[in-house]
Amino acid sequence: MRELIVTENITVDGVVEAAEWFDVANAAGVDQSDLVGTLRAHMADSDAVLFGRVSFEEMRGYWPQQTEDTSGVTEHLNKVTKYVVSSTLHDPEWENTVVLRGPLVEEIRAVKDQPGKDIVSTGSIQLVRALIAADLVDEYRLFVYPVVLGTGRRLFENATEVPVLRLVETRPFNSGVVLLRYRKA
């Protein structure tokens, strides 16, 4: 069975909303080679990404147009299967995209049962919270940015169904970002 990996960029205080705080690790002169290397390894282990409709549309509007991307993200996203959970999206307008119309738990279990590599879900906070509540997440990869915002949507906000987690890896990067990997205990 394939594994479902939730990968989120997150602040120290748990905020996952995309914002200017990404600039901390992307500032001019910041060495990101170790972080990019880890991202490339994660991409090599996956052959599918899973999005909610809003995150999918944001990604579709950005990544295919990136011609100077040296991280490999553009190439990866253009070639892997993209699953988007939506009851309103008709034409995904991005190659290799499959629209999942629900019910969510059955659709995701069916995707996990298919042969292949890891399935990565990123962004898509509403979807990720539903995946957590349905106990479908096998691993959490949290890229913690050295920023405290105080407000914003949090990954585990009001989460009462999160299983006990065990830490399987910590990895600091030159940029100040730290990867925390957790699996269900």
C-alpha atoms as a PDB file:
ATOM      1  CA  MET A   1       0.000   0.000   0.000  1.00  0.00           C
ATOM      2  CA  ARG A   2       1.224   3.483  -0.855  1.00  0.00           C
ATOM      3  CA  GLU A   3       1.795   5.947   1.947  1.00  0.00           C
ATOM      4  CA  LEU A   4       0.160   9.331   2.290  1.00  0.00           C
ATOM      5  CA  ILE A   5       2.683  11.947   3.405  1.00  0.00           C
ATOM      6  CA  VAL A   6       1.541  15.368   4.599  1.00  0.00           C
ATOM      7  CA  THR A   7       4.264  17.906   3.893  1.00  0.00           C
ATOM      8  CA  GLU A   8       3.727  21.404   5.252  1.00  0.00           C
ATOM      9  CA  ASN A   9       5.767  24.564   5.601  1.00  0.00           C
ATOM     10  CA  ILE A  10       4.934  25.750   9.090  1.00  0.00           C
ATOM     11  CA  THR A  11       5.992  28.449  11.549  1.00  0.00           C
ATOM     12  CA  VAL A  12       7.317  27.692  15.023  1.00  0.00           C
ATOM     13  CA  ASP A  13       3.854  28.474  16.414  1.00  0.00           C
ATOM     14  CA  GLY A  14       2.109  26.138  13.963  1.00  0.00           C
ATOM     15  CA  VAL A  15       0.783  28.531  11.304  1.00  0.00           C
ATOM     16  CA  VAL A  16       0.544  26.967   7.841  1.00  0.00           C
ATOM     17  CA  GLU A  17      -0.975  29.765   5.797  1.00  0.00           C
ATOM     18  CA  ALA A  18       1.337  30.741   2.964  1.00  0.00           C
ATOM     19  CA  ALA A  19       2.693  34.219   3.564  1.00  0.00           C
ATOM     20  CA  GLU A  20       5.769  36.398   3.365  1.00  0.00           C
ATOM     21  CA  TRP A  21       7.394  34.425   6.195  1.00  0.00           C
ATOM     22  CA  PHE A  22       8.818  32.093   3.519  1.00  0.00           C
ATOM     23  CA  ASP A  23      11.204  34.934   2.708  1.00  0.00           C
ATOM     24  CA  VAL A  24      13.236  34.124   5.836  1.00  0.00           C
ATOM     25  CA  ALA A  25      14.766  31.073   4.169  1.00  0.00           C
ATOM     26  CA  ASN A  26      14.673  32.537   0.658  1.00  0.00           C
ATOM     27  CA  ALA A  27      16.619  35.731   1.346  1.00  0.00           C
ATOM     28  CA  ALA A  28      19.522  36.602  -0.930  1.00  0.00           C
ATOM     29  CA  GLY A  29      22.693  34.813   0.051  1.00  0.00           C
ATOM     30  CA  VAL A  30      20.983  32.103   2.121  1.00  0.00           C
ATOM     31  CA  ASP A  31      22.406  28.657   1.345  1.00  0.00           C
ATOM     32  CA  GLN A  32      19.484  26.396   0.472  1.00  0.00           C
ATOM     33  CA  SER A  33      21.474  23.582  -1.123  1.00  0.00           C
ATOM     34  CA  ASP A  34      20.844  21.151   1.729  1.00  0.00           C
ATOM     35  CA  LEU A  35      17.120  21.958   1.827  1.00  0.00           C
ATOM     36  CA  VAL A  36      16.785  21.599  -1.950  1.00  0.00           C
ATOM     37  CA  GLY A  37      18.644  18.288  -1.774  1.00  0.00           C
ATOM     38  CA  THR A  38      16.166  16.972   0.783  1.00  0.00           C
ATOM     39  CA  LEU A  39      13.221  18.178  -1.300  1.00  0.00           C
ATOM     40  CA  ARG A  40      14.656  16.400  -4.350  1.00  0.00           C
ATOM     41  CA  ALA A  41      15.003  13.160  -2.356  1.00  0.00           C
ATOM     42  CA  HIS A  42      11.394  13.450  -1.177  1.00  0.00           C
ATOM     43  CA  MET A  43      10.234  14.080  -4.740  1.00  0.00           C
ATOM     44  CA  ALA A  44      12.143  11.007  -5.960  1.00  0.00           C
ATOM     45  CA  ASP A  45      10.209   8.892  -3.454  1.00  0.00           C
ATOM     46  CA  SER A  46       6.807  10.111  -4.668  1.00  0.00           C
ATOM     47  CA  ASP A  47       4.842   9.805  -7.868  1.00  0.00           C
ATOM     48  CA  ALA A  48       1.643  11.612  -6.871  1.00  0.00           C
ATOM     49  CA  VAL A  49       0.498  14.763  -5.125  1.00  0.00           C
ATOM     50  CA  LEU A  50      -2.882  15.393  -3.534  1.00  0.00           C
ATOM     51  CA  PHE A  51      -4.478  18.822  -3.335  1.00  0.00           C
ATOM     52  CA  GLY A  52      -7.713  20.455  -2.357  1.00  0.00           C
ATOM     53  CA  ARG A  53      -9.209  22.567  -5.143  1.00  0.00           C
ATOM     54  CA  VAL A  54      -7.969  25.960  -3.901  1.00  0.00           C
ATOM     55  CA  SER A  55      -4.360  24.836  -3.429  1.00  0.00           C
ATOM     56  CA  PHE A  56      -4.482  22.990  -6.747  1.00  0.00           C
ATOM     57  CA  GLU A  57      -5.607  26.123  -8.578  1.00  0.00           C
ATOM     58  CA  GLU A  58      -2.874  28.172  -6.870  1.00  0.00           C
ATOM     59  CA  MET A  59      -0.230  25.585  -7.822  1.00  0.00           C
ATOM     60  CA  ARG A  60      -1.575  25.273 -11.383  1.00  0.00           C
ATOM     61  CA  GLY A  61      -1.427  29.056 -11.740  1.00  0.00           C
ATOM     62  CA  TYR A  62       2.193  29.230 -10.613  1.00  0.00           C
ATOM     63  CA  TRP A  63       4.376  26.173 -11.203  1.00  0.00           C
ATOM     64  CA  PRO A  64       3.794  25.364 -14.881  1.00  0.00           C
ATOM     65  CA  GLN A  65       4.964  28.895 -15.794  1.00  0.00           C
ATOM     66  CA  GLN A  66       8.257  28.650 -13.894  1.00  0.00           C
ATOM     67  CA  THR A  67      11.031  28.428 -16.478  1.00  0.00           C
ATOM     68  CA  GLU A  68      13.986  29.252 -14.232  1.00  0.00           C
ATOM     69  CA  ASP A  69      13.215  26.770 -11.435  1.00  0.00           C
ATOM     70  CA  THR A  70      16.410  25.009 -10.350  1.00  0.00           C
ATOM     71  CA  SER A  71      14.799  23.116  -7.443  1.00  0.00           C
ATOM     72  CA  GLY A  72      13.159  20.500  -9.665  1.00  0.00           C
ATOM     73  CA  VAL A  73       9.679  21.246  -8.305  1.00  0.00           C
ATOM     74  CA  THR A  74       8.302  22.413 -11.667  1.00  0.00           C
ATOM     75  CA  GLU A  75       9.516  19.303 -13.475  1.00  0.00           C
ATOM     76  CA  HIS A  76       8.233  17.047 -10.696  1.00  0.00           C
ATOM     77  CA  LEU A  77       4.773  18.603 -10.543  1.00  0.00           C
ATOM     78  CA  ASN A  78       4.389  18.531 -14.309  1.00  0.00           C
ATOM     79  CA  LYS A  79       5.154  14.811 -14.549  1.00  0.00           C
ATOM     80  CA  VAL A  80       3.562  13.212 -11.450  1.00  0.00           C
ATOM     81  CA  THR A  81      -0.099  12.349 -11.107  1.00  0.00           C
ATOM     82  CA  LYS A  82      -1.936  15.177  -9.442  1.00  0.00           C
ATOM     83  CA  TYR A  83      -5.096  14.291  -7.532  1.00  0.00           C
ATOM     84  CA  VAL A  84      -7.419  17.153  -6.725  1.00  0.00           C
ATOM     85  CA  VAL A  85     -10.391  16.731  -4.401  1.00  0.00           C
ATOM     86  CA  SER A  86     -13.254  18.818  -5.763  1.00  0.00           C
ATOM     87  CA  SER A  87     -16.934  18.588  -6.500  1.00  0.00           C
ATOM     88  CA  THR A  88     -16.872  21.727  -8.673  1.00  0.00           C
ATOM     89  CA  LEU A  89     -13.727  21.440 -10.836  1.00  0.00           C
ATOM     90  CA  HIS A  90     -14.530  20.052 -14.279  1.00  0.00           C
ATOM     91  CA  ASP A  91     -11.447  20.595 -16.430  1.00  0.00           C
ATOM     92  CA  PRO A  92      -8.258  20.589 -14.344  1.00  0.00           C
ATOM     93  CA  GLU A  93      -6.237  22.187 -17.188  1.00  0.00           C
ATOM     94  CA  TRP A  94      -2.996  20.536 -16.037  1.00  0.00           C
ATOM     95  CA  GLU A  95      -1.609  17.326 -17.502  1.00  0.00           C
ATOM     96  CA  ASN A  96      -1.772  14.139 -15.438  1.00  0.00           C
ATOM     97  CA  THR A  97      -4.523  15.436 -13.148  1.00  0.00           C
ATOM     98  CA  VAL A  98      -7.301  13.274 -11.756  1.00  0.00           C
ATOM     99  CA  VAL A  99     -10.291  14.913 -10.087  1.00  0.00           C
ATOM    100  CA  LEU A 100     -11.576  13.009  -7.043  1.00  0.00           C
ATOM    101  CA  ARG A 101     -15.225  13.776  -6.379  1.00  0.00           C
ATOM    102  CA  GLY A 102     -15.751  11.712  -3.231  1.00  0.00           C
ATOM    103  CA  PRO A 103     -16.613  10.302  -0.900  1.00  0.00           C
ATOM    104  CA  LEU A 104     -13.215  11.374   0.393  1.00  0.00           C
ATOM    105  CA  VAL A 105     -12.230   8.397   2.533  1.00  0.00           C
ATOM    106  CA  GLU A 106     -13.101   5.833  -0.145  1.00  0.00           C
ATOM    107  CA  GLU A 107     -11.370   7.852  -2.884  1.00  0.00           C
ATOM    108  CA  ILE A 108      -8.144   8.250  -0.899  1.00  0.00           C
ATOM    109  CA  ARG A 109      -8.080   4.608   0.185  1.00  0.00           C
ATOM    110  CA  ALA A 110      -8.497   3.589  -3.460  1.00  0.00           C
ATOM    111  CA  VAL A 111      -5.565   5.809  -4.489  1.00  0.00           C
ATOM    112  CA  LYS A 112      -3.428   4.412  -1.651  1.00  0.00           C
ATOM    113  CA  ASP A 113      -4.280   0.866  -2.764  1.00  0.00           C
ATOM    114  CA  GLN A 114      -2.918   1.486  -6.275  1.00  0.00           C
ATOM    115  CA  PRO A 115       0.652   0.464  -7.029  1.00  0.00           C
ATOM    116  CA  GLY A 116       3.160   3.284  -6.856  1.00  0.00           C
ATOM    117  CA  LYS A 117       5.320   5.445  -4.664  1.00  0.00           C
ATOM    118  CA  ASP A 118       4.367   7.902  -1.911  1.00  0.00           C
ATOM    119  CA  ILE A 119       1.474  10.327  -2.305  1.00  0.00           C
ATOM    120  CA  VAL A 120       2.300  13.797  -0.963  1.00  0.00           C
ATOM    121  CA  SER A 121      -0.272  16.312   0.170  1.00  0.00           C
ATOM    122  CA  THR A 122       0.875  19.874   0.716  1.00  0.00           C
ATOM    123  CA  GLY A 123      -0.987  23.071   1.467  1.00  0.00           C
ATOM    124  CA  SER A 124      -4.684  22.189   1.244  1.00  0.00           C
ATOM    125  CA  ILE A 125      -5.283  22.740   4.969  1.00  0.00           C
ATOM    126  CA  GLN A 126      -9.004  21.894   4.886  1.00  0.00           C
ATOM    127  CA  LEU A 127      -8.295  18.656   3.023  1.00  0.00           C
ATOM    128  CA  VAL A 128      -5.341  17.782   5.267  1.00  0.00           C
ATOM    129  CA  ARG A 129      -7.467  18.240   8.363  1.00  0.00           C
ATOM    130  CA  ALA A 130     -10.060  15.866   6.865  1.00  0.00           C
ATOM    131  CA  LEU A 131      -7.310  13.334   6.076  1.00  0.00           C
ATOM    132  CA  ILE A 132      -6.054  13.568   9.660  1.00  0.00           C
ATOM    133  CA  ALA A 133      -9.572  13.106  11.073  1.00  0.00           C
ATOM    134  CA  ALA A 134     -10.057  10.043   8.853  1.00  0.00           C
ATOM    135  CA  ASP A 135      -6.724   8.560  10.031  1.00  0.00           C
ATOM    136  CA  LEU A 136      -5.381   8.387   6.469  1.00  0.00           C
ATOM    137  CA  VAL A 137      -2.029  10.128   7.064  1.00  0.00           C
ATOM    138  CA  ASP A 138       1.004   7.862   7.405  1.00  0.00           C
ATOM    139  CA  GLU A 139       3.666  10.522   7.924  1.00  0.00           C
ATOM    140  CA  TYR A 140       3.995  14.241   8.619  1.00  0.00           C
ATOM    141  CA  ARG A 141       6.935  16.202   7.207  1.00  0.00           C
ATOM    142  CA  LEU A 142       6.932  19.611   8.829  1.00  0.00           C
ATOM    143  CA  PHE A 143       9.408  22.167   7.507  1.00  0.00           C
ATOM    144  CA  VAL A 144       9.513  24.552  10.469  1.00  0.00           C
ATOM    145  CA  TYR A 145      10.483  28.129   9.619  1.00  0.00           C
ATOM    146  CA  PRO A 146      12.108  30.255  12.360  1.00  0.00           C
ATOM    147  CA  VAL A 147       9.173  32.643  12.530  1.00  0.00           C
ATOM    148  CA  VAL A 148       6.395  33.234  15.094  1.00  0.00           C
ATOM    149  CA  LEU A 149       3.244  34.881  13.722  1.00  0.00           C
ATOM    150  CA  GLY A 150       0.767  34.624  16.593  1.00  0.00           C
ATOM    151  CA  THR A 151      -2.207  34.391  14.242  1.00  0.00           C
ATOM    152  CA  GLY A 152      -3.224  32.352  11.237  1.00  0.00           C
ATOM    153  CA  ARG A 153      -4.586  28.942  10.429  1.00  0.00           C
ATOM    154  CA  ARG A 154      -2.771  26.129  12.192  1.00  0.00           C
ATOM    155  CA  LEU A 155      -2.299  22.563  11.074  1.00  0.00           C
ATOM    156  CA  PHE A 156      -3.654  20.960  14.239  1.00  0.00           C
ATOM    157  CA  GLU A 157      -6.121  23.649  15.283  1.00  0.00           C
ATOM    158  CA  ASN A 158      -9.012  22.079  17.228  1.00  0.00           C
ATOM    159  CA  ALA A 159      -7.638  18.661  16.328  1.00  0.00           C
ATOM    160  CA  THR A 160      -8.954  16.038  18.678  1.00  0.00           C
ATOM    161  CA  GLU A 161      -8.388  13.018  16.450  1.00  0.00           C
ATOM    162  CA  VAL A 162      -4.624  13.270  15.911  1.00  0.00           C
ATOM    163  CA  PRO A 163      -3.008   9.930  16.704  1.00  0.00           C
ATOM    164  CA  VAL A 164      -0.004   9.681  18.988  1.00  0.00           C
ATOM    165  CA  LEU A 165       3.035  10.532  16.893  1.00  0.00           C
ATOM    166  CA  ARG A 166       6.638   9.433  17.109  1.00  0.00           C
ATOM    167  CA  LEU A 167       9.523  11.535  15.888  1.00  0.00           C
ATOM    168  CA  VAL A 168      11.541   9.707  13.227  1.00  0.00           C
ATOM    169  CA  GLU A 169      13.833  12.487  12.007  1.00  0.00           C
ATOM    170  CA  THR A 170      15.006  15.993  12.768  1.00  0.00           C
ATOM    171  CA  ARG A 171      17.158  17.804  10.265  1.00  0.00           C
ATOM    172  CA  PRO A 172      18.301  21.425  10.541  1.00  0.00           C
ATOM    173  CA  PHE A 173      19.144  23.280   7.333  1.00  0.00           C
ATOM    174  CA  ASN A 174      21.602  26.117   6.685  1.00  0.00           C
ATOM    175  CA  SER A 175      18.646  28.468   6.073  1.00  0.00           C
ATOM    176  CA  GLY A 176      17.355  28.069   9.649  1.00  0.00           C
ATOM    177  CA  VAL A 177      14.488  25.793   8.587  1.00  0.00           C
ATOM    178  CA  VAL A 178      14.202  22.507  10.499  1.00  0.00           C
ATOM    179  CA  LEU A 179      12.539  19.358   9.149  1.00  0.00           C
ATOM    180  CA  LEU A 180      10.545  17.374  11.714  1.00  0.00           C
ATOM    181  CA  ARG A 181       9.268  14.002  10.487  1.00  0.00           C
ATOM    182  CA  TYR A 182       6.597  12.200  12.470  1.00  0.00           C
ATOM    183  CA  ARG A 183       4.839   8.884  11.967  1.00  0.00           C
ATOM    184  CA  LYS A 184       1.940   7.355  13.837  1.00  0.00           C
ATOM    185  CA  ALA A 185       3.189   5.624  16.962  1.00  0.00           C
END
